Amino acid sequence: MATKQQFNSFEELISGSNLPLLVDFYADWCGPCQMMAPILEQVGTQLKDRLRVAKINTDKYPQLASQHHIHALPTLVLFKQGKPVDRIEGVMPADALVHRLQGLV
């Protein structure tokens, strides 16, 4: 399940998880981002024991978008042990996303 995150420290969010964390950098006004929401729900359900999914609104956290070089929305970044290990820009079908992530989580 993808959850919208509010937090004190992004580093705390990404390093505080025993499971890899897939972060969806999105904006409310972004059409493709809205298309990704049900896809991320499906992926989160399929990989629930191996992966956490979080949504970060780039309009609310522009400094994070800048820090992580988010230039296109949606952008998914997979973090393992607090470090980015994969990055996906744009919409991807659920089955393709699950296939890509399975080798990394």
PDB file of N, CA and C in Angstrom:
ATOM      1  N   MET A   1       0.836  -1.184   0.000  1.00  0.00           N
ATOM      2  CA  MET A   1       0.000   0.000   0.000  1.00  0.00           C
ATOM      3  C   MET A   1       0.876   1.240   0.000  1.00  0.00           C
ATOM      4  N   ALA A   2       0.622   2.161  -0.883  1.00  0.00           N
ATOM      5  CA  ALA A   2       1.368   3.421  -0.942  1.00  0.00           C
ATOM      6  C   ALA A   2       0.749   4.404   0.045  1.00  0.00           C
ATOM      7  N   THR A   3       1.604   5.043   0.804  1.00  0.00           N
ATOM      8  CA  THR A   3       1.103   6.012   1.768  1.00  0.00           C
ATOM      9  C   THR A   3       1.774   7.345   1.544  1.00  0.00           C
ATOM     10  N   LYS A   4       0.986   8.413   1.651  1.00  0.00           N
ATOM     11  CA  LYS A   4       1.557   9.747   1.568  1.00  0.00           C
ATOM     12  C   LYS A   4       2.312   9.979   2.871  1.00  0.00           C
ATOM     13  N   GLN A   5       3.530  10.451   2.738  1.00  0.00           N
ATOM     14  CA  GLN A   5       4.380  10.561   3.913  1.00  0.00           C
ATOM     15  C   GLN A   5       4.584  12.011   4.333  1.00  0.00           C
ATOM     16  N   GLN A   6       4.505  12.237   5.624  1.00  0.00           N
ATOM     17  CA  GLN A   6       4.968  13.472   6.226  1.00  0.00           C
ATOM     18  C   GLN A   6       6.002  13.035   7.239  1.00  0.00           C
ATOM     19  N   PHE A   7       7.067  13.804   7.361  1.00  0.00           N
ATOM     20  CA  PHE A   7       8.184  13.327   8.164  1.00  0.00           C
ATOM     21  C   PHE A   7       9.034  14.501   8.610  1.00  0.00           C
ATOM     22  N   ASN A   8       9.845  14.257   9.620  1.00  0.00           N
ATOM     23  CA  ASN A   8      10.780  15.266  10.093  1.00  0.00           C
ATOM     24  C   ASN A   8      12.076  15.208   9.301  1.00  0.00           C
ATOM     25  N   SER A   9      12.496  14.001   8.955  1.00  0.00           N
ATOM     26  CA  SER A   9      13.756  13.816   8.254  1.00  0.00           C
ATOM     27  C   SER A   9      13.587  12.756   7.176  1.00  0.00           C
ATOM     28  N   PHE A  10      13.870  13.127   5.939  1.00  0.00           N
ATOM     29  CA  PHE A  10      13.765  12.170   4.844  1.00  0.00           C
ATOM     30  C   PHE A  10      14.763  11.034   5.044  1.00  0.00           C
ATOM     31  N   GLU A  11      15.954  11.362   5.530  1.00  0.00           N
ATOM     32  CA  GLU A  11      16.965  10.335   5.783  1.00  0.00           C
ATOM     33  C   GLU A  11      16.446   9.318   6.794  1.00  0.00           C
ATOM     34  N   GLU A  12      15.714   9.813   7.789  1.00  0.00           N
ATOM     35  CA  GLU A  12      15.114   8.928   8.792  1.00  0.00           C
ATOM     36  C   GLU A  12      14.096   7.997   8.131  1.00  0.00           C
ATOM     37  N   LEU A  13      13.330   8.530   7.206  1.00  0.00           N
ATOM     38  CA  LEU A  13      12.322   7.745   6.497  1.00  0.00           C
ATOM     39  C   LEU A  13      12.970   6.638   5.670  1.00  0.00           C
ATOM     40  N   ILE A  14      14.004   6.987   4.901  1.00  0.00           N
ATOM     41  CA  ILE A  14      14.589   5.996   3.998  1.00  0.00           C
ATOM     42  C   ILE A  14      15.515   5.010   4.701  1.00  0.00           C
ATOM     43  N   SER A  15      16.146   5.435   5.782  1.00  0.00           N
ATOM     44  CA  SER A  15      17.067   4.520   6.468  1.00  0.00           C
ATOM     45  C   SER A  15      16.391   3.783   7.617  1.00  0.00           C
ATOM     46  N   GLY A  16      15.186   4.229   8.003  1.00  0.00           N
ATOM     47  CA  GLY A  16      14.493   3.621   9.127  1.00  0.00           C
ATOM     48  C   GLY A  16      13.692   2.388   8.761  1.00  0.00           C
ATOM     49  N   SER A  17      13.849   1.903   7.540  1.00  0.00           N
ATOM     50  CA  SER A  17      13.078   0.758   7.083  1.00  0.00           C
ATOM     51  C   SER A  17      13.980  -0.449   6.893  1.00  0.00           C
ATOM     52  N   ASN A  18      13.554  -1.588   7.423  1.00  0.00           N
ATOM     53  CA  ASN A  18      14.284  -2.832   7.186  1.00  0.00           C
ATOM     54  C   ASN A  18      14.080  -3.315   5.758  1.00  0.00           C
ATOM     55  N   LEU A  19      12.936  -2.955   5.183  1.00  0.00           N
ATOM     56  CA  LEU A  19      12.621  -3.330   3.801  1.00  0.00           C
ATOM     57  C   LEU A  19      13.068  -2.217   2.860  1.00  0.00           C
ATOM     58  N   PRO A  20      13.377  -2.552   1.606  1.00  0.00           N
ATOM     59  CA  PRO A  20      13.623  -1.495   0.621  1.00  0.00           C
ATOM     60  C   PRO A  20      12.400  -0.580   0.549  1.00  0.00           C
ATOM     61  N   LEU A  21      12.634   0.677   0.243  1.00  0.00           N
ATOM     62  CA  LEU A  21      11.570   1.671   0.190  1.00  0.00           C
ATOM     63  C   LEU A  21      11.498   2.249  -1.216  1.00  0.00           C
ATOM     64  N   LEU A  22      10.348   2.096  -1.864  1.00  0.00           N
ATOM     65  CA  LEU A  22      10.112   2.685  -3.175  1.00  0.00           C
ATOM     66  C   LEU A  22       9.401   4.013  -2.948  1.00  0.00           C
ATOM     67  N   VAL A  23      10.072   5.103  -3.314  1.00  0.00           N
ATOM     68  CA  VAL A  23       9.508   6.435  -3.109  1.00  0.00           C
ATOM     69  C   VAL A  23       8.968   6.946  -4.433  1.00  0.00           C
ATOM     70  N   ASP A  24       7.692   7.303  -4.426  1.00  0.00           N
ATOM     71  CA  ASP A  24       7.026   7.893  -5.581  1.00  0.00           C
ATOM     72  C   ASP A  24       7.042   9.398  -5.400  1.00  0.00           C
ATOM     73  N   PHE A  25       7.889  10.092  -6.158  1.00  0.00           N
ATOM     74  CA  PHE A  25       7.890  11.555  -6.152  1.00  0.00           C
ATOM     75  C   PHE A  25       6.819  11.986  -7.147  1.00  0.00           C
ATOM     76  N   TYR A  26       5.812  12.708  -6.659  1.00  0.00           N
ATOM     77  CA  TYR A  26       4.638  13.041  -7.470  1.00  0.00           C
ATOM     78  C   TYR A  26       4.169  14.461  -7.161  1.00  0.00           C
ATOM     79  N   ALA A  27       3.164  14.909  -7.909  1.00  0.00           N
ATOM     80  CA  ALA A  27       2.456  16.158  -7.625  1.00  0.00           C
ATOM     81  C   ALA A  27       0.971  15.923  -7.894  1.00  0.00           C
ATOM     82  N   ASP A  28       0.130  16.604  -7.134  1.00  0.00           N
ATOM     83  CA  ASP A  28      -1.319  16.428  -7.282  1.00  0.00           C
ATOM     84  C   ASP A  28      -1.818  16.806  -8.675  1.00  0.00           C
ATOM     85  N   TRP A  29      -1.190  17.789  -9.315  1.00  0.00           N
ATOM     86  CA  TRP A  29      -1.629  18.282 -10.617  1.00  0.00           C
ATOM     87  C   TRP A  29      -1.140  17.418 -11.781  1.00  0.00           C
ATOM     88  N   CYS A  30      -0.315  16.429 -11.505  1.00  0.00           N
ATOM     89  CA  CYS A  30       0.337  15.616 -12.541  1.00  0.00           C
ATOM     90  C   CYS A  30      -0.553  14.447 -12.952  1.00  0.00           C
ATOM     91  N   GLY A  31      -1.042  14.460 -14.204  1.00  0.00           N
ATOM     92  CA  GLY A  31      -1.898  13.385 -14.712  1.00  0.00           C
ATOM     93  C   GLY A  31      -1.239  12.012 -14.677  1.00  0.00           C
ATOM     94  N   PRO A  32      -0.011  11.880 -15.209  1.00  0.00           N
ATOM     95  CA  PRO A  32       0.656  10.581 -15.143  1.00  0.00           C
ATOM     96  C   PRO A  32       0.862  10.086 -13.703  1.00  0.00           C
ATOM     97  N   CYS A  33       1.054  11.016 -12.773  1.00  0.00           N
ATOM     98  CA  CYS A  33       1.197  10.634 -11.362  1.00  0.00           C
ATOM     99  C   CYS A  33      -0.087   9.988 -10.860  1.00  0.00           C
ATOM    100  N   GLN A  34      -1.229  10.540 -11.273  1.00  0.00           N
ATOM    101  CA  GLN A  34      -2.516   9.979 -10.876  1.00  0.00           C
ATOM    102  C   GLN A  34      -2.709   8.591 -11.484  1.00  0.00           C
ATOM    103  N   MET A  35      -2.171   8.390 -12.700  1.00  0.00           N
ATOM    104  CA  MET A  35      -2.246   7.070 -13.332  1.00  0.00           C
ATOM    105  C   MET A  35      -1.408   6.048 -12.558  1.00  0.00           C
ATOM    106  N   MET A  36      -0.311   6.501 -11.936  1.00  0.00           N
ATOM    107  CA  MET A  36       0.574   5.589 -11.204  1.00  0.00           C
ATOM    108  C   MET A  36      -0.007   5.151  -9.865  1.00  0.00           C
ATOM    109  N   ALA A  37      -0.914   5.929  -9.295  1.00  0.00           N
ATOM    110  CA  ALA A  37      -1.429   5.619  -7.957  1.00  0.00           C
ATOM    111  C   ALA A  37      -1.996   4.200  -7.856  1.00  0.00           C
ATOM    112  N   PRO A  38      -2.928   3.762  -8.726  1.00  0.00           N
ATOM    113  CA  PRO A  38      -3.434   2.389  -8.599  1.00  0.00           C
ATOM    114  C   PRO A  38      -2.366   1.345  -8.943  1.00  0.00           C
ATOM    115  N   ILE A  39      -1.441   1.702  -9.824  1.00  0.00           N
ATOM    116  CA  ILE A  39      -0.353   0.775 -10.172  1.00  0.00           C
ATOM    117  C   ILE A  39       0.517   0.537  -8.943  1.00  0.00           C
ATOM    118  N   LEU A  40       0.832   1.599  -8.221  1.00  0.00           N
ATOM    119  CA  LEU A  40       1.653   1.464  -7.011  1.00  0.00           C
ATOM    120  C   LEU A  40       0.927   0.694  -5.919  1.00  0.00           C
ATOM    121  N   GLU A  41      -0.389   0.860  -5.847  1.00  0.00           N
ATOM    122  CA  GLU A  41      -1.176   0.075  -4.892  1.00  0.00           C
ATOM    123  C   GLU A  41      -1.029  -1.412  -5.197  1.00  0.00           C
ATOM    124  N   GLN A  42      -1.149  -1.755  -6.479  1.00  0.00           N
ATOM    125  CA  GLN A  42      -1.042  -3.147  -6.913  1.00  0.00           C
ATOM    126  C   GLN A  42       0.359  -3.691  -6.640  1.00  0.00           C
ATOM    127  N   VAL A  43       1.392  -2.923  -6.966  1.00  0.00           N
ATOM    128  CA  VAL A  43       2.778  -3.344  -6.746  1.00  0.00           C
ATOM    129  C   VAL A  43       3.044  -3.508  -5.256  1.00  0.00           C
ATOM    130  N   GLY A  44       2.567  -2.544  -4.469  1.00  0.00           N
ATOM    131  CA  GLY A  44       2.747  -2.620  -3.016  1.00  0.00           C
ATOM    132  C   GLY A  44       2.095  -3.856  -2.426  1.00  0.00           C
ATOM    133  N   THR A  45       0.936  -4.230  -2.949  1.00  0.00           N
ATOM    134  CA  THR A  45       0.241  -5.428  -2.483  1.00  0.00           C
ATOM    135  C   THR A  45       1.002  -6.686  -2.881  1.00  0.00           C
ATOM    136  N   GLN A  46       1.461  -6.739  -4.133  1.00  0.00           N
ATOM    137  CA  GLN A  46       2.169  -7.927  -4.618  1.00  0.00           C
ATOM    138  C   GLN A  46       3.502  -8.135  -3.907  1.00  0.00           C
ATOM    139  N   LEU A  47       4.176  -7.052  -3.561  1.00  0.00           N
ATOM    140  CA  LEU A  47       5.507  -7.149  -2.949  1.00  0.00           C
ATOM    141  C   LEU A  47       5.494  -6.727  -1.477  1.00  0.00           C
ATOM    142  N   LYS A  48       4.339  -6.861  -0.823  1.00  0.00           N
ATOM    143  CA  LYS A  48       4.158  -6.300   0.520  1.00  0.00           C
ATOM    144  C   LYS A  48       5.147  -6.818   1.562  1.00  0.00           C
ATOM    145  N   ASP A  49       5.619  -8.035   1.441  1.00  0.00           N
ATOM    146  CA  ASP A  49       6.564  -8.564   2.422  1.00  0.00           C
ATOM    147  C   ASP A  49       8.010  -8.235   2.073  1.00  0.00           C
ATOM    148  N   ARG A  50       8.214  -7.627   0.901  1.00  0.00           N
ATOM    149  CA  ARG A  50       9.580  -7.374   0.435  1.00  0.00           C
ATOM    150  C   ARG A  50       9.876  -5.908   0.190  1.00  0.00           C
ATOM    151  N   LEU A  51       8.847  -5.029   0.281  1.00  0.00           N
ATOM    152  CA  LEU A  51       8.995  -3.648  -0.154  1.00  0.00           C
ATOM    153  C   LEU A  51       7.982  -2.749   0.546  1.00  0.00           C
ATOM    154  N   ARG A  52       8.392  -1.528   0.872  1.00  0.00           N
ATOM    155  CA  ARG A  52       7.458  -0.497   1.327  1.00  0.00           C
ATOM    156  C   ARG A  52       7.361   0.548   0.228  1.00  0.00           C
ATOM    157  N   VAL A  53       6.201   1.159   0.093  1.00  0.00           N
ATOM    158  CA  VAL A  53       5.989   2.212  -0.904  1.00  0.00           C
ATOM    159  C   VAL A  53       5.562   3.477  -0.171  1.00  0.00           C
ATOM    160  N   ALA A  54       6.205   4.591  -0.519  1.00  0.00           N
ATOM    161  CA  ALA A  54       5.855   5.885   0.073  1.00  0.00           C
ATOM    162  C   ALA A  54       5.681   6.901  -1.047  1.00  0.00           C
ATOM    163  N   LYS A  55       4.770   7.849  -0.834  1.00  0.00           N
ATOM    164  CA  LYS A  55       4.528   8.905  -1.809  1.00  0.00           C
ATOM    165  C   LYS A  55       5.004  10.231  -1.212  1.00  0.00           C
ATOM    166  N   ILE A  56       5.804  10.966  -1.982  1.00  0.00           N
ATOM    167  CA  ILE A  56       6.306  12.265  -1.544  1.00  0.00           C
ATOM    168  C   ILE A  56       5.845  13.318  -2.544  1.00  0.00           C
ATOM    169  N   ASN A  57       5.070  14.285  -2.063  1.00  0.00           N
ATOM    170  CA  ASN A  57       4.556  15.363  -2.895  1.00  0.00           C
ATOM    171  C   ASN A  57       5.670  16.397  -3.107  1.00  0.00           C
ATOM    172  N   THR A  58       6.120  16.535  -4.345  1.00  0.00           N
ATOM    173  CA  THR A  58       7.240  17.440  -4.634  1.00  0.00           C
ATOM    174  C   THR A  58       6.866  18.907  -4.455  1.00  0.00           C
ATOM    175  N   ASP A  59       5.569  19.235  -4.493  1.00  0.00           N
ATOM    176  CA  ASP A  59       5.158  20.613  -4.233  1.00  0.00           C
ATOM    177  C   ASP A  59       5.329  20.968  -2.754  1.00  0.00           C
ATOM    178  N   LYS A  60       5.171  19.975  -1.887  1.00  0.00           N
ATOM    179  CA  LYS A  60       5.340  20.211  -0.448  1.00  0.00           C
ATOM    180  C   LYS A  60       6.790  20.078  -0.007  1.00  0.00           C
ATOM    181  N   TYR A  61       7.574  19.305  -0.756  1.00  0.00           N
ATOM    182  CA  TYR A  61       8.977  19.060  -0.401  1.00  0.00           C
ATOM    183  C   TYR A  61       9.889  19.339  -1.602  1.00  0.00           C
ATOM    184  N   PRO A  62       9.903  20.586  -2.086  1.00  0.00           N
ATOM    185  CA  PRO A  62      10.709  20.895  -3.269  1.00  0.00           C
ATOM    186  C   PRO A  62      12.208  20.696  -3.044  1.00  0.00           C
ATOM    187  N   GLN A  63      12.654  20.867  -1.811  1.00  0.00           N
ATOM    188  CA  GLN A  63      14.084  20.675  -1.536  1.00  0.00           C
ATOM    189  C   GLN A  63      14.489  19.217  -1.720  1.00  0.00           C
ATOM    190  N   LEU A  64      13.600  18.281  -1.409  1.00  0.00           N
ATOM    191  CA  LEU A  64      13.888  16.860  -1.634  1.00  0.00           C
ATOM    192  C   LEU A  64      13.927  16.545  -3.123  1.00  0.00           C
ATOM    193  N   ALA A  65      12.998  17.135  -3.868  1.00  0.00           N
ATOM    194  CA  ALA A  65      12.988  16.923  -5.317  1.00  0.00           C
ATOM    195  C   ALA A  65      14.299  17.412  -5.917  1.00  0.00           C
ATOM    196  N   SER A  66      14.755  18.546  -5.483  1.00  0.00           N
ATOM    197  CA  SER A  66      16.012  19.095  -5.973  1.00  0.00           C
ATOM    198  C   SER A  66      17.193  18.229  -5.550  1.00  0.00           C
ATOM    199  N   GLN A  67      17.219  17.847  -4.290  1.00  0.00           N
ATOM    200  CA  GLN A  67      18.311  17.038  -3.748  1.00  0.00           C
ATOM    201  C   GLN A  67      18.441  15.703  -4.477  1.00  0.00           C
ATOM    202  N   HIS A  68      17.319  15.123  -4.886  1.00  0.00           N
ATOM    203  CA  HIS A  68      17.329  13.814  -5.549  1.00  0.00           C
ATOM    204  C   HIS A  68      17.197  13.933  -7.067  1.00  0.00           C
ATOM    205  N   HIS A  69      17.398  15.147  -7.580  1.00  0.00           N
ATOM    206  CA  HIS A  69      17.423  15.397  -9.028  1.00  0.00           C
ATOM    207  C   HIS A  69      16.155  14.907  -9.721  1.00  0.00           C
ATOM    208  N   ILE A  70      15.014  15.265  -9.134  1.00  0.00           N
ATOM    209  CA  ILE A  70      13.722  14.904  -9.719  1.00  0.00           C
ATOM    210  C   ILE A  70      13.352  15.981 -10.735  1.00  0.00           C
ATOM    211  N   HIS A  71      13.423  15.619 -12.020  1.00  0.00           N
ATOM    212  CA  HIS A  71      13.141  16.578 -13.091  1.00  0.00           C
ATOM    213  C   HIS A  71      11.892  16.211 -13.882  1.00  0.00           C
ATOM    214  N   ALA A  72      11.389  14.998 -13.692  1.00  0.00           N
ATOM    215  CA  ALA A  72      10.189  14.539 -14.381  1.00  0.00           C
ATOM    216  C   ALA A  72       9.289  13.867 -13.348  1.00  0.00           C
ATOM    217  N   LEU A  73       7.985  13.966 -13.572  1.00  0.00           N
ATOM    218  CA  LEU A  73       7.033  13.329 -12.663  1.00  0.00           C
ATOM    219  C   LEU A  73       6.160  12.370 -13.461  1.00  0.00           C
ATOM    220  N   PRO A  74       5.815  11.243 -12.901  1.00  0.00           N
ATOM    221  CA  PRO A  74       6.313  10.734 -11.626  1.00  0.00           C
ATOM    222  C   PRO A  74       7.731  10.173 -11.780  1.00  0.00           C
ATOM    223  N   THR A  75       8.483  10.217 -10.696  1.00  0.00           N
ATOM    224  CA  THR A  75       9.776   9.548 -10.629  1.00  0.00           C
ATOM    225  C   THR A  75       9.745   8.634  -9.413  1.00  0.00           C
ATOM    226  N   LEU A  76      10.092   7.376  -9.635  1.00  0.00           N
ATOM    227  CA  LEU A  76      10.176   6.398  -8.561  1.00  0.00           C
ATOM    228  C   LEU A  76      11.651   6.163  -8.261  1.00  0.00           C
ATOM    229  N   VAL A  77      12.002   6.209  -6.986  1.00  0.00           N
ATOM    230  CA  VAL A  77      13.376   5.922  -6.577  1.00  0.00           C
ATOM    231  C   VAL A  77      13.314   4.812  -5.536  1.00  0.00           C
ATOM    232  N   LEU A  78      14.066   3.739  -5.789  1.00  0.00           N
ATOM    233  CA  LEU A  78      14.134   2.628  -4.851  1.00  0.00           C
ATOM    234  C   LEU A  78      15.349   2.816  -3.963  1.00  0.00           C
ATOM    235  N   PHE A  79      15.107   2.860  -2.653  1.00  0.00           N
ATOM    236  CA  PHE A  79      16.179   3.001  -1.669  1.00  0.00           C
ATOM    237  C   PHE A  79      16.350   1.684  -0.925  1.00  0.00           C
ATOM    238  N   LYS A  80      17.596   1.254  -0.794  1.00  0.00           N
ATOM    239  CA  LYS A  80      17.936   0.099   0.041  1.00  0.00           C
ATOM    240  C   LYS A  80      19.003   0.574   1.015  1.00  0.00           C
ATOM    241  N   GLN A  81      18.761   0.317   2.284  1.00  0.00           N
ATOM    242  CA  GLN A  81      19.681   0.722   3.347  1.00  0.00           C
ATOM    243  C   GLN A  81      20.030   2.204   3.224  1.00  0.00           C
ATOM    244  N   GLY A  82      19.030   3.015   2.879  1.00  0.00           N
ATOM    245  CA  GLY A  82      19.196   4.457   2.802  1.00  0.00           C
ATOM    246  C   GLY A  82      19.842   4.988   1.539  1.00  0.00           C
ATOM    247  N   LYS A  83      20.188   4.113   0.599  1.00  0.00           N
ATOM    248  CA  LYS A  83      20.867   4.530  -0.632  1.00  0.00           C
ATOM    249  C   LYS A  83      19.991   4.254  -1.849  1.00  0.00           C
ATOM    250  N   PRO A  84      19.957   5.189  -2.822  1.00  0.00           N
ATOM    251  CA  PRO A  84      19.186   4.937  -4.044  1.00  0.00           C
ATOM    252  C   PRO A  84      19.851   3.851  -4.884  1.00  0.00           C
ATOM    253  N   VAL A  85      19.071   2.859  -5.309  1.00  0.00           N
ATOM    254  CA  VAL A  85      19.615   1.758  -6.113  1.00  0.00           C
ATOM    255  C   VAL A  85      18.944   1.639  -7.484  1.00  0.00           C
ATOM    256  N   ASP A  86      17.804   2.299  -7.672  1.00  0.00           N
ATOM    257  CA  ASP A  86      17.147   2.281  -8.982  1.00  0.00           C
ATOM    258  C   ASP A  86      16.260   3.513  -9.086  1.00  0.00           C
ATOM    259  N   ARG A  87      16.022   3.922 -10.331  1.00  0.00           N
ATOM    260  CA  ARG A  87      15.234   5.125 -10.599  1.00  0.00           C
ATOM    261  C   ARG A  87      14.422   4.874 -11.863  1.00  0.00           C
ATOM    262  N   ILE A  88      13.141   5.214 -11.785  1.00  0.00           N
ATOM    263  CA  ILE A  88      12.235   5.029 -12.922  1.00  0.00           C
ATOM    264  C   ILE A  88      11.474   6.335 -13.113  1.00  0.00           C
ATOM    265  N   GLU A  89      11.510   6.869 -14.316  1.00  0.00           N
ATOM    266  CA  GLU A  89      10.755   8.085 -14.625  1.00  0.00           C
ATOM    267  C   GLU A  89       9.589   7.734 -15.531  1.00  0.00           C
ATOM    268  N   GLY A  90       8.426   8.301 -15.230  1.00  0.00           N
ATOM    269  CA  GLY A  90       7.251   8.083 -16.059  1.00  0.00           C
ATOM    270  C   GLY A  90       6.413   6.914 -15.586  1.00  0.00           C
ATOM    271  N   VAL A  91       5.355   6.660 -16.323  1.00  0.00           N
ATOM    272  CA  VAL A  91       4.399   5.607 -15.989  1.00  0.00           C
ATOM    273  C   VAL A  91       4.919   4.268 -16.496  1.00  0.00           C
ATOM    274  N   MET A  92       4.763   3.248 -15.663  1.00  0.00           N
ATOM    275  CA  MET A  92       5.156   1.890 -16.036  1.00  0.00           C
ATOM    276  C   MET A  92       4.032   0.953 -15.602  1.00  0.00           C
ATOM    277  N   PRO A  93       3.628   0.007 -16.453  1.00  0.00           N
ATOM    278  CA  PRO A  93       2.582  -0.937 -16.064  1.00  0.00           C
ATOM    279  C   PRO A  93       3.006  -1.742 -14.828  1.00  0.00           C
ATOM    280  N   ALA A  94       2.026  -2.164 -14.047  1.00  0.00           N
ATOM    281  CA  ALA A  94       2.294  -2.872 -12.794  1.00  0.00           C
ATOM    282  C   ALA A  94       3.146  -4.115 -12.991  1.00  0.00           C
ATOM    283  N   ASP A  95       2.827  -4.931 -14.006  1.00  0.00           N
ATOM    284  CA  ASP A  95       3.584  -6.172 -14.191  1.00  0.00           C
ATOM    285  C   ASP A  95       5.049  -5.887 -14.537  1.00  0.00           C
ATOM    286  N   ALA A  96       5.297  -4.867 -15.342  1.00  0.00           N
ATOM    287  CA  ALA A  96       6.675  -4.506 -15.697  1.00  0.00           C
ATOM    288  C   ALA A  96       7.418  -3.952 -14.481  1.00  0.00           C
ATOM    289  N   LEU A  97       6.722  -3.169 -13.666  1.00  0.00           N
ATOM    290  CA  LEU A  97       7.341  -2.607 -12.469  1.00  0.00           C
ATOM    291  C   LEU A  97       7.671  -3.707 -11.462  1.00  0.00           C
ATOM    292  N   VAL A  98       6.755  -4.636 -11.259  1.00  0.00           N
ATOM    293  CA  VAL A  98       7.008  -5.759 -10.347  1.00  0.00           C
ATOM    294  C   VAL A  98       8.201  -6.566 -10.848  1.00  0.00           C
ATOM    295  N   HIS A  99       8.233  -6.845 -12.143  1.00  0.00           N
ATOM    296  CA  HIS A  99       9.341  -7.624 -12.718  1.00  0.00           C
ATOM    297  C   HIS A  99      10.667  -6.900 -12.483  1.00  0.00           C
ATOM    298  N   ARG A 100      10.700  -5.611 -12.710  1.00  0.00           N
ATOM    299  CA  ARG A 100      11.930  -4.844 -12.513  1.00  0.00           C
ATOM    300  C   ARG A 100      12.366  -4.830 -11.064  1.00  0.00           C
ATOM    301  N   LEU A 101      11.409  -4.681 -10.158  1.00  0.00           N
ATOM    302  CA  LEU A 101      11.734  -4.576  -8.729  1.00  0.00           C
ATOM    303  C   LEU A 101      12.103  -5.915  -8.111  1.00  0.00           C
ATOM    304  N   GLN A 102      11.562  -7.008  -8.628  1.00  0.00           N
ATOM    305  CA  GLN A 102      11.802  -8.322  -8.007  1.00  0.00           C
ATOM    306  C   GLN A 102      13.278  -8.661  -7.919  1.00  0.00           C
ATOM    307  N   GLY A 103      14.060  -8.260  -8.874  1.00  0.00           N
ATOM    308  CA  GLY A 103      15.482  -8.540  -8.834  1.00  0.00           C
ATOM    309  C   GLY A 103      16.245  -7.648  -7.874  1.00  0.00           C
ATOM    310  N   LEU A 104      15.582  -6.625  -7.363  1.00  0.00           N
ATOM    311  CA  LEU A 104      16.255  -5.644  -6.493  1.00  0.00           C
ATOM    312  C   LEU A 104      15.825  -5.715  -5.032  1.00  0.00           C
ATOM    313  N   VAL A 105      14.679  -6.349  -4.772  1.00  0.00           N
ATOM    314  CA  VAL A 105      14.186  -6.393  -3.371  1.00  0.00           C
ATOM    315  C   VAL A 105      14.265  -7.785  -2.801  1.00  0.00           C
TER     316      VAL A 105
END
